[in-house]
Amino acid sequence: MTHRQAAALMVLVTLLWSMAGVVTRHLDTARSFEVTFWRSAFNALALIVILTWMRGPALWRGLVQSGWMLWISGLCWAVMFTAFMVAITLTSVANVLLTMALGPIITALFSRFLLGYPLPLRTWLAIFVAAGGIVSMFWAQAAAGVSLLGSLVAFAVPLAGAVNWIVLQQVGKAGPAAQDMLPAVLIGALLSAALTLPLAWPLQASNHDLQWLALLGVAQLAIPCLLAVRLSRELPAPEISLLTLLEVVFGVTWVWLWAGEAPSLSVMLGGGLVLAALVANEVLAMRQSH
């Protein structure tokens, strides 16, 4: 595919990802771990259908014979699927998305200390500015008596995402002979559903909730996550990191317009610092690469 097509698809991915917050705010009875279970379960069902259609019986043989890199990636997906939805039930969508926006910075740090990749000065500056924005945001919330539990749970998402990105990069170095990493998304969905089912029992979701959660499992997770793994072969890392920040903009806008959940001033100011640092870093990286 062309670069323009790949970039357009990545924007679509972020648009689909951003639906979770506003949909969750319109659920009737499903809460916390039950929301996570149903979304992951519908995600797993959709992935089984899609990947079986794409890979045939080779999908299941590949899972049995797969190496440890695939299972580490699957575990990372499971953490991201689970922590994201639990966090959204504990705090505002803006808090969760802005905490998740730290993903590119954490990935850069992991690449530096785990893989030995040098970091340019612009990235170190972005790390300090983004960290300052997050600290100021959390400090203001703590001073106002707002629980930070949701934000702390959300922090697991960029941590797991950073590990996952490093694994995908290492696997991708093998070129055409690289291991197929699409089944890792299925592993993550199955693990997330299995781990949250005991915590979600007894299930109380209404038919209304199940319809919305099925939409999340298929359109907000299965399809965009498979696309994201595929697009990681087409777009450079800085460009993907920059485009994924659109999820923050989209997600906060949707809950503001259709759920009446306006972000607080401290969140907007601290989050603004984070986004400004990330955008500046990624734009400079893209310019230097051309």
Protein backbone atom coordinates (compact mmCIF):
# COMPACT_ATOMS: atom_id res chain seq x y z
CA MET A 1 0.00 0.00 0.00
CA THR A 2 1.07 3.60 -0.48
CA HIS A 3 2.26 5.77 2.41
CA ARG A 4 -0.87 7.91 2.14
CA GLN A 5 -3.13 4.84 2.36
CA ALA A 6 -1.21 3.54 5.38
CA ALA A 7 -1.42 6.90 7.18
CA ALA A 8 -5.15 7.17 6.44
CA LEU A 9 -5.72 3.67 7.82
CA MET A 10 -3.77 4.57 10.97
CA VAL A 11 -6.04 7.58 11.50
CA LEU A 12 -9.02 5.24 11.12
CA VAL A 13 -7.45 2.92 13.72
CA THR A 14 -7.19 5.76 16.27
CA LEU A 15 -10.77 6.83 15.49
CA LEU A 16 -12.05 3.31 16.21
CA TRP A 17 -9.93 3.00 19.38
CA SER A 18 -11.34 6.29 20.69
CA MET A 19 -14.93 4.95 20.91
CA ALA A 20 -14.40 3.06 24.16
CA GLY A 21 -14.84 5.94 26.59
CA VAL A 22 -18.09 7.36 25.28
CA VAL A 23 -19.65 3.90 24.78
CA THR A 24 -18.75 2.87 28.33
CA ARG A 25 -20.48 5.96 29.70
CA HIS A 26 -23.77 4.80 28.11
CA LEU A 27 -23.88 1.33 29.67
CA ASP A 28 -26.78 0.47 32.00
CA THR A 29 -25.75 -2.26 34.41
CA ALA A 30 -22.34 -3.65 33.39
CA ARG A 31 -19.52 -2.34 35.56
CA SER A 32 -15.74 -2.68 35.99
CA PHE A 33 -14.52 -6.24 35.41
CA GLU A 34 -17.73 -7.30 33.66
CA VAL A 35 -17.23 -4.55 31.08
CA THR A 36 -13.70 -5.80 30.54
CA PHE A 37 -14.78 -9.44 30.30
CA TRP A 38 -17.49 -8.91 27.70
CA ARG A 39 -15.37 -6.59 25.55
CA SER A 40 -12.47 -9.06 25.58
CA ALA A 41 -14.77 -12.04 24.97
CA PHE A 42 -16.41 -10.41 21.94
CA ASN A 43 -12.95 -9.36 20.77
CA ALA A 44 -11.73 -12.96 21.01
CA LEU A 45 -14.75 -14.30 19.10
CA ALA A 46 -14.23 -11.76 16.31
CA LEU A 47 -10.51 -12.54 16.12
CA ILE A 48 -11.17 -16.30 15.95
CA VAL A 49 -13.44 -15.73 12.95
CA ILE A 50 -11.15 -13.22 11.21
CA LEU A 51 -7.85 -15.05 11.79
CA THR A 52 -9.32 -18.46 10.92
CA TRP A 53 -10.55 -16.95 7.66
CA MET A 54 -7.12 -15.41 7.03
CA ARG A 55 -4.88 -18.26 8.18
CA GLY A 56 -7.04 -21.39 8.12
CA PRO A 57 -5.94 -24.39 10.21
CA ALA A 58 -2.40 -22.98 10.22
CA LEU A 59 -3.56 -20.46 12.83
CA TRP A 60 -4.00 -23.13 15.52
CA ARG A 61 -0.87 -25.05 14.55
CA GLY A 62 1.04 -21.80 14.76
CA LEU A 63 -0.24 -21.10 18.26
CA VAL A 64 0.85 -24.52 19.48
CA GLN A 65 4.29 -24.24 17.86
CA SER A 66 4.83 -20.50 18.46
CA GLY A 67 7.87 -19.10 20.21
CA TRP A 68 7.97 -17.15 23.45
CA MET A 69 7.96 -13.77 21.68
CA LEU A 70 4.39 -14.33 20.50
CA TRP A 71 3.24 -15.17 24.04
CA ILE A 72 4.98 -12.15 25.56
CA SER A 73 3.21 -9.96 23.01
CA GLY A 74 -0.08 -11.72 23.83
CA LEU A 75 0.43 -11.08 27.54
CA CYS A 76 1.07 -7.40 26.79
CA TRP A 77 -2.15 -7.19 24.78
CA ALA A 78 -4.01 -8.82 27.70
CA VAL A 79 -2.66 -6.23 30.15
CA MET A 80 -3.62 -3.39 27.81
CA PHE A 81 -7.13 -4.74 27.16
CA THR A 82 -7.79 -5.28 30.87
CA ALA A 83 -6.16 -2.23 32.45
CA PHE A 84 -7.72 0.20 29.98
CA MET A 85 -11.33 -0.77 30.65
CA VAL A 86 -10.86 -1.10 34.41
CA ALA A 87 -9.24 2.35 34.50
CA ILE A 88 -12.09 3.94 32.54
CA THR A 89 -14.56 2.70 35.17
CA LEU A 90 -12.44 4.28 37.94
CA THR A 91 -11.62 7.73 36.55
CA SER A 92 -12.37 10.11 33.69
CA VAL A 93 -11.70 9.18 30.08
CA ALA A 94 -9.37 12.19 29.75
CA ASN A 95 -7.22 10.98 32.67
CA VAL A 96 -6.91 7.51 31.14
CA LEU A 97 -6.11 8.67 27.62
CA LEU A 98 -3.57 11.26 28.70
CA THR A 99 -1.83 8.72 30.91
CA MET A 100 -1.75 6.33 27.95
CA ALA A 101 -0.19 9.08 25.83
CA LEU A 102 3.06 8.44 27.71
CA GLY A 103 3.49 5.29 25.59
CA PRO A 104 5.98 6.76 23.08
CA ILE A 105 8.12 8.19 25.91
CA ILE A 106 8.19 4.90 27.86
CA THR A 107 8.97 3.03 24.64
CA ALA A 108 11.91 5.37 24.03
CA LEU A 109 13.24 4.79 27.55
CA PHE A 110 12.87 1.02 27.27
CA SER A 111 14.64 1.10 23.90
CA ARG A 112 17.49 3.04 25.50
CA PHE A 113 18.00 0.89 28.58
CA LEU A 114 16.94 -2.54 27.28
CA LEU A 115 18.15 -2.42 23.69
CA GLY A 116 20.90 0.18 23.99
CA TYR A 117 19.43 2.55 21.40
CA PRO A 118 20.79 6.10 21.86
CA LEU A 119 18.23 8.82 22.53
CA PRO A 120 18.67 12.27 20.95
CA LEU A 121 18.53 15.40 23.08
CA ARG A 122 15.05 16.30 21.77
CA THR A 123 13.67 13.02 23.15
CA TRP A 124 15.24 13.56 26.58
CA LEU A 125 13.70 17.06 26.67
CA ALA A 126 10.32 15.61 25.66
CA ILE A 127 10.59 13.03 28.44
CA PHE A 128 11.19 15.68 31.10
CA VAL A 129 8.42 17.98 29.84
CA ALA A 130 5.90 15.13 29.54
CA ALA A 131 6.82 13.84 33.00
CA GLY A 132 6.30 17.33 34.39
CA GLY A 133 2.88 17.52 32.77
CA ILE A 134 1.79 14.18 34.24
CA VAL A 135 3.13 15.03 37.71
CA SER A 136 1.34 18.38 37.72
CA MET A 137 -1.89 16.74 36.59
CA PHE A 138 -1.73 14.05 39.26
CA TRP A 139 -0.66 16.54 41.94
CA ALA A 140 -3.67 18.78 41.26
CA GLN A 141 -6.02 15.79 41.40
CA ALA A 142 -4.52 14.56 44.68
CA ALA A 143 -4.81 18.05 46.18
CA ALA A 144 -8.46 18.14 45.15
CA GLY A 145 -9.12 14.80 46.84
CA VAL A 146 -9.58 12.90 43.57
CA SER A 147 -8.58 9.22 43.71
CA LEU A 148 -5.53 8.41 41.60
CA LEU A 149 -6.30 4.68 41.45
CA GLY A 150 -7.77 4.90 37.94
CA SER A 151 -4.76 6.79 36.61
CA LEU A 152 -2.36 4.31 38.23
CA VAL A 153 -4.22 1.39 36.65
CA ALA A 154 -4.14 3.22 33.30
CA PHE A 155 -0.36 3.55 33.62
CA ALA A 156 -0.12 -0.22 33.04
CA VAL A 157 -1.32 0.35 29.47
CA PRO A 158 1.67 2.37 28.17
CA LEU A 159 4.05 0.14 30.14
CA ALA A 160 2.70 -3.00 28.47
CA GLY A 161 2.47 -1.18 25.15
CA ALA A 162 6.15 -0.22 25.33
CA VAL A 163 7.20 -3.83 25.96
CA ASN A 164 4.94 -4.98 23.14
CA TRP A 165 6.39 -2.48 20.70
CA ILE A 166 9.96 -3.59 21.52
CA VAL A 167 8.96 -7.24 20.98
CA LEU A 168 7.33 -6.38 17.63
CA GLN A 169 10.44 -4.44 16.58
CA GLN A 170 12.73 -7.35 17.47
CA VAL A 171 10.54 -9.83 15.58
CA GLY A 172 10.27 -7.50 12.59
CA LYS A 173 14.06 -7.49 12.14
CA ALA A 174 13.76 -10.94 10.60
CA GLY A 175 12.10 -9.36 7.56
CA PRO A 176 9.91 -11.63 5.39
CA ALA A 177 10.84 -14.58 7.60
CA ALA A 178 9.50 -12.85 10.72
CA GLN A 179 7.02 -14.69 12.89
CA ASP A 180 3.35 -13.85 12.32
CA MET A 181 2.39 -11.67 15.30
CA LEU A 182 -1.32 -11.22 14.52
CA PRO A 183 -2.31 -14.23 16.70
CA ALA A 184 -0.81 -12.42 19.70
CA VAL A 185 -3.86 -10.15 19.70
CA LEU A 186 -6.08 -13.24 19.99
CA ILE A 187 -3.95 -14.59 22.85
CA GLY A 188 -4.34 -11.27 24.63
CA ALA A 189 -8.12 -11.26 24.22
CA LEU A 190 -8.47 -14.84 25.48
CA LEU A 191 -6.24 -14.19 28.50
CA SER A 192 -8.09 -10.97 29.37
CA ALA A 193 -11.49 -12.67 29.18
CA ALA A 194 -10.32 -15.68 31.21
CA LEU A 195 -8.72 -13.57 33.96
CA THR A 196 -11.65 -11.19 34.39
CA LEU A 197 -14.51 -13.72 34.23
CA PRO A 198 -14.19 -14.84 37.90
CA LEU A 199 -14.02 -11.19 38.99
CA ALA A 200 -17.03 -10.27 36.85
CA TRP A 201 -19.27 -13.08 38.13
CA PRO A 202 -22.28 -12.99 38.45
CA LEU A 203 -22.79 -11.37 35.06
CA GLN A 204 -25.45 -8.66 35.07
CA ALA A 205 -25.13 -6.90 31.69
CA SER A 206 -28.42 -6.06 30.00
CA ASN A 207 -29.14 -6.76 26.33
CA HIS A 208 -28.52 -3.07 25.70
CA ASP A 209 -25.08 -3.32 27.31
CA LEU A 210 -24.19 -6.50 25.43
CA GLN A 211 -24.91 -4.83 22.09
CA TRP A 212 -22.60 -1.92 22.92
CA LEU A 213 -19.89 -4.23 24.30
CA ALA A 214 -20.08 -6.42 21.18
CA LEU A 215 -19.50 -3.26 19.13
CA LEU A 216 -16.45 -2.47 21.26
CA GLY A 217 -15.07 -5.99 21.00
CA VAL A 218 -15.33 -6.10 17.21
CA ALA A 219 -15.04 -2.52 15.92
CA GLN A 220 -13.04 -0.90 18.73
CA LEU A 221 -10.58 -3.76 19.38
CA ALA A 222 -10.40 -6.67 16.93
CA ILE A 223 -10.34 -4.79 13.63
CA PRO A 224 -8.14 -1.79 14.61
CA CYS A 225 -5.64 -3.91 16.59
CA LEU A 226 -5.08 -6.22 13.61
CA LEU A 227 -4.71 -3.17 11.37
CA ALA A 228 -2.21 -1.60 13.79
CA VAL A 229 0.00 -4.70 13.78
CA ARG A 230 -0.10 -4.77 9.97
CA LEU A 231 0.61 -1.03 9.63
CA SER A 232 3.68 -1.33 11.87
CA ARG A 233 5.36 -2.76 8.74
CA GLU A 234 4.37 0.21 6.57
CA LEU A 235 4.93 3.31 8.71
CA PRO A 236 8.03 4.44 10.62
CA ALA A 237 7.83 4.34 14.42
CA PRO A 238 7.84 8.14 14.95
CA GLU A 239 4.93 8.58 12.55
CA ILE A 240 2.89 5.80 14.20
CA SER A 241 3.55 7.35 17.63
CA LEU A 242 2.39 10.74 16.38
CA LEU A 243 -0.75 9.41 14.73
CA THR A 244 -1.78 7.36 17.78
CA LEU A 245 -1.98 10.60 19.79
CA LEU A 246 -5.13 11.34 17.81
CA GLU A 247 -6.87 8.80 20.05
CA VAL A 248 -6.50 11.24 22.96
CA VAL A 249 -8.03 14.09 20.97
CA PHE A 250 -10.85 11.98 19.56
CA GLY A 251 -11.63 10.17 22.83
CA VAL A 252 -11.76 13.29 25.02
CA THR A 253 -13.90 15.07 22.41
CA TRP A 254 -16.46 12.24 22.17
CA VAL A 255 -17.10 12.03 25.94
CA TRP A 256 -17.20 15.82 26.18
CA LEU A 257 -19.83 16.12 23.44
CA TRP A 258 -21.94 13.00 24.06
CA ALA A 259 -21.40 12.09 27.71
CA GLY A 260 -21.04 15.53 29.30
CA GLU A 261 -17.63 14.61 30.77
CA ALA A 262 -15.60 17.80 30.44
CA PRO A 263 -11.91 17.51 31.42
CA SER A 264 -10.81 19.60 34.40
CA LEU A 265 -8.46 22.55 34.00
CA SER A 266 -5.57 20.67 35.64
CA VAL A 267 -6.05 17.76 33.22
CA MET A 268 -6.14 20.09 30.22
CA LEU A 269 -3.00 21.97 31.30
CA GLY A 270 -0.99 18.90 32.32
CA GLY A 271 -2.22 16.92 29.34
CA GLY A 272 -1.42 19.83 27.04
CA LEU A 273 2.21 19.71 28.18
CA VAL A 274 2.36 15.98 27.52
CA LEU A 275 0.86 16.26 24.03
CA ALA A 276 3.00 19.28 23.11
CA ALA A 277 6.18 17.47 24.14
CA LEU A 278 5.25 14.32 22.24
CA VAL A 279 4.16 16.13 19.08
CA ALA A 280 7.32 18.28 19.02
CA ASN A 281 9.54 15.22 19.50
CA GLU A 282 7.87 13.14 16.80
CA VAL A 283 7.68 16.00 14.26
CA LEU A 284 11.40 16.68 14.70
CA ALA A 285 12.13 12.97 14.32
CA MET A 286 10.16 12.84 11.07
CA ARG A 287 11.98 15.91 9.71
CA GLN A 288 15.39 14.46 10.54
CA SER A 289 14.52 11.19 8.80
CA HIS A 290 13.77 12.92 5.48
